[in-house]
Amino acid sequence: MKLTQICALAGALVFSSVALAEGGGDRTFEKMMAAKDLAMEKYLAREGKSAPVVSSDEKNEKAK
């Protein structure tokens, strides 16, 4: 009985560490954001416009 409980605990710890391991989602998100930024730069260059200013960026610049 004691051996079964130890094995169950060890199995739960191993399973949880595998379940919480990074599955590549962060890398995928980073690649997606980089592709979005590149597409936005190309669009702005083609349209001849400047990059839009985000209002939170303006507040941060004024605070400095």
N, C-alpha and C. Protein backbone atom coordinates (compact mmCIF):
# COMPACT_ATOMS: atom_id res chain seq x y z
N MET A 1 0.83 -1.19 0.00
CA MET A 1 0.00 0.00 0.00
C MET A 1 0.87 1.25 0.00
N LYS A 2 1.90 1.25 0.81
CA LYS A 2 2.80 2.39 0.89
C LYS A 2 3.52 2.59 -0.45
N LEU A 3 3.91 1.49 -1.09
CA LEU A 3 4.60 1.56 -2.38
C LEU A 3 3.67 2.14 -3.45
N THR A 4 2.43 1.78 -3.41
CA THR A 4 1.45 2.30 -4.37
C THR A 4 1.28 3.81 -4.21
N GLN A 5 1.23 4.28 -2.99
CA GLN A 5 1.08 5.71 -2.74
C GLN A 5 2.31 6.48 -3.23
N ILE A 6 3.49 5.90 -3.00
CA ILE A 6 4.73 6.55 -3.45
C ILE A 6 4.77 6.62 -4.96
N CYS A 7 4.38 5.53 -5.62
CA CYS A 7 4.35 5.51 -7.08
C CYS A 7 3.33 6.51 -7.62
N ALA A 8 2.18 6.61 -6.96
CA ALA A 8 1.15 7.55 -7.39
C ALA A 8 1.64 8.99 -7.25
N LEU A 9 2.31 9.28 -6.16
CA LEU A 9 2.85 10.62 -5.94
C LEU A 9 3.92 10.94 -6.98
N ALA A 10 4.82 10.00 -7.21
CA ALA A 10 5.87 10.22 -8.20
C ALA A 10 5.27 10.41 -9.59
N GLY A 11 4.28 9.62 -9.92
CA GLY A 11 3.61 9.76 -11.22
C GLY A 11 2.93 11.11 -11.37
N ALA A 12 2.28 11.57 -10.31
CA ALA A 12 1.62 12.87 -10.35
C ALA A 12 2.63 13.99 -10.54
N LEU A 13 3.76 13.89 -9.88
CA LEU A 13 4.79 14.93 -10.02
C LEU A 13 5.38 14.95 -11.43
N VAL A 14 5.63 13.76 -11.97
CA VAL A 14 6.18 13.68 -13.33
C VAL A 14 5.16 14.20 -14.33
N PHE A 15 3.91 13.79 -14.18
CA PHE A 15 2.87 14.24 -15.11
C PHE A 15 2.69 15.75 -15.06
N SER A 16 2.71 16.33 -13.88
CA SER A 16 2.51 17.77 -13.77
C SER A 16 3.67 18.55 -14.38
N SER A 17 4.88 18.04 -14.23
CA SER A 17 6.02 18.74 -14.82
C SER A 17 5.99 18.67 -16.34
N VAL A 18 5.50 17.56 -16.88
CA VAL A 18 5.37 17.43 -18.34
C VAL A 18 4.24 18.31 -18.84
N ALA A 19 3.14 18.35 -18.12
CA ALA A 19 1.98 19.14 -18.53
C ALA A 19 2.27 20.63 -18.51
N LEU A 20 3.11 21.08 -17.60
CA LEU A 20 3.40 22.51 -17.47
C LEU A 20 4.62 22.95 -18.27
N ALA A 21 5.27 22.02 -18.95
CA ALA A 21 6.47 22.37 -19.73
C ALA A 21 6.07 23.23 -20.93
N GLU A 22 6.99 24.05 -21.38
CA GLU A 22 6.73 24.93 -22.52
C GLU A 22 6.56 24.08 -23.77
N GLY A 23 5.47 24.28 -24.44
CA GLY A 23 5.18 23.50 -25.63
C GLY A 23 5.47 24.24 -26.91
N GLY A 24 6.12 25.35 -26.86
CA GLY A 24 6.43 26.10 -28.07
C GLY A 24 5.45 27.23 -28.32
N GLY A 25 4.49 27.40 -27.45
CA GLY A 25 3.50 28.46 -27.64
C GLY A 25 4.12 29.84 -27.62
N ASP A 26 5.11 30.05 -26.76
CA ASP A 26 5.77 31.35 -26.70
C ASP A 26 6.53 31.64 -27.99
N ARG A 27 7.19 30.63 -28.52
CA ARG A 27 7.93 30.83 -29.78
C ARG A 27 6.97 31.11 -30.92
N THR A 28 5.84 30.41 -30.95
CA THR A 28 4.86 30.63 -32.00
C THR A 28 4.28 32.03 -31.92
N PHE A 29 3.97 32.48 -30.71
CA PHE A 29 3.43 33.83 -30.52
C PHE A 29 4.45 34.88 -30.95
N GLU A 30 5.72 34.66 -30.61
CA GLU A 30 6.76 35.62 -30.99
C GLU A 30 6.92 35.68 -32.51
N LYS A 31 6.87 34.53 -33.18
CA LYS A 31 6.96 34.51 -34.64
C LYS A 31 5.77 35.22 -35.27
N MET A 32 4.58 35.02 -34.69
CA MET A 32 3.38 35.66 -35.20
C MET A 32 3.48 37.18 -35.07
N MET A 33 3.96 37.65 -33.91
CA MET A 33 4.08 39.09 -33.70
C MET A 33 5.14 39.70 -34.62
N ALA A 34 6.23 38.99 -34.85
CA ALA A 34 7.27 39.47 -35.75
C ALA A 34 6.73 39.57 -37.18
N ALA A 35 5.96 38.58 -37.60
CA ALA A 35 5.36 38.61 -38.94
C ALA A 35 4.37 39.76 -39.07
N LYS A 36 3.60 40.02 -38.01
CA LYS A 36 2.65 41.14 -38.02
C LYS A 36 3.38 42.47 -38.14
N ASP A 37 4.46 42.63 -37.39
CA ASP A 37 5.23 43.86 -37.43
C ASP A 37 5.83 44.09 -38.81
N LEU A 38 6.36 43.02 -39.41
CA LEU A 38 6.94 43.13 -40.75
C LEU A 38 5.88 43.49 -41.77
N ALA A 39 4.72 42.86 -41.68
CA ALA A 39 3.63 43.17 -42.60
C ALA A 39 3.17 44.61 -42.44
N MET A 40 3.11 45.09 -41.21
CA MET A 40 2.70 46.48 -40.96
C MET A 40 3.72 47.45 -41.53
N GLU A 41 5.01 47.16 -41.39
CA GLU A 41 6.05 48.03 -41.95
C GLU A 41 5.95 48.08 -43.46
N LYS A 42 5.73 46.93 -44.09
CA LYS A 42 5.60 46.90 -45.56
C LYS A 42 4.37 47.67 -46.02
N TYR A 43 3.28 47.51 -45.29
CA TYR A 43 2.05 48.23 -45.64
C TYR A 43 2.26 49.73 -45.53
N LEU A 44 2.86 50.17 -44.43
CA LEU A 44 3.07 51.60 -44.24
C LEU A 44 4.01 52.16 -45.30
N ALA A 45 5.04 51.39 -45.67
CA ALA A 45 5.97 51.85 -46.71
C ALA A 45 5.25 51.96 -48.05
N ARG A 46 4.38 51.00 -48.34
CA ARG A 46 3.65 51.00 -49.61
C ARG A 46 2.65 52.16 -49.66
N GLU A 47 2.02 52.46 -48.55
CA GLU A 47 1.03 53.54 -48.50
C GLU A 47 1.67 54.91 -48.29
N GLY A 48 2.94 54.93 -47.92
CA GLY A 48 3.63 56.20 -47.71
C GLY A 48 3.21 56.90 -46.42
N LYS A 49 2.82 56.12 -45.44
CA LYS A 49 2.38 56.69 -44.16
C LYS A 49 3.41 56.41 -43.09
N SER A 50 3.31 57.16 -42.00
CA SER A 50 4.19 56.90 -40.86
C SER A 50 3.49 55.95 -39.90
N ALA A 51 4.26 55.37 -39.02
CA ALA A 51 3.71 54.41 -38.06
C ALA A 51 2.76 55.14 -37.11
N PRO A 52 1.64 54.50 -36.78
CA PRO A 52 0.70 55.15 -35.86
C PRO A 52 1.28 55.23 -34.46
N VAL A 53 0.90 56.28 -33.73
CA VAL A 53 1.37 56.45 -32.36
C VAL A 53 0.26 55.97 -31.43
N VAL A 54 0.61 55.08 -30.54
CA VAL A 54 -0.35 54.57 -29.58
C VAL A 54 -0.44 55.54 -28.42
N SER A 55 -1.64 55.79 -27.93
CA SER A 55 -1.83 56.81 -26.91
C SER A 55 -1.05 56.49 -25.63
N SER A 56 -0.90 55.21 -25.29
CA SER A 56 -0.14 54.88 -24.09
C SER A 56 1.34 55.20 -24.28
N ASP A 57 1.83 55.13 -25.53
CA ASP A 57 3.21 55.51 -25.80
C ASP A 57 3.40 57.01 -25.59
N GLU A 58 2.41 57.80 -26.00
CA GLU A 58 2.50 59.25 -25.80
C GLU A 58 2.56 59.59 -24.32
N LYS A 59 1.74 58.91 -23.53
CA LYS A 59 1.73 59.18 -22.09
C LYS A 59 3.08 58.82 -21.48
N ASN A 60 3.68 57.72 -21.92
CA ASN A 60 4.97 57.31 -21.38
C ASN A 60 6.06 58.31 -21.76
N GLU A 61 5.99 58.85 -22.97
CA GLU A 61 7.00 59.81 -23.41
C GLU A 61 6.86 61.12 -22.63
N LYS A 62 5.63 61.54 -22.35
CA LYS A 62 5.41 62.79 -21.62
C LYS A 62 5.85 62.64 -20.16
N ALA A 63 5.74 61.45 -19.64
CA ALA A 63 6.09 61.23 -18.24
C ALA A 63 7.59 61.27 -18.01
N LYS A 64 8.38 61.06 -19.06
CA LYS A 64 9.84 61.01 -18.92
C LYS A 64 10.45 62.36 -18.79
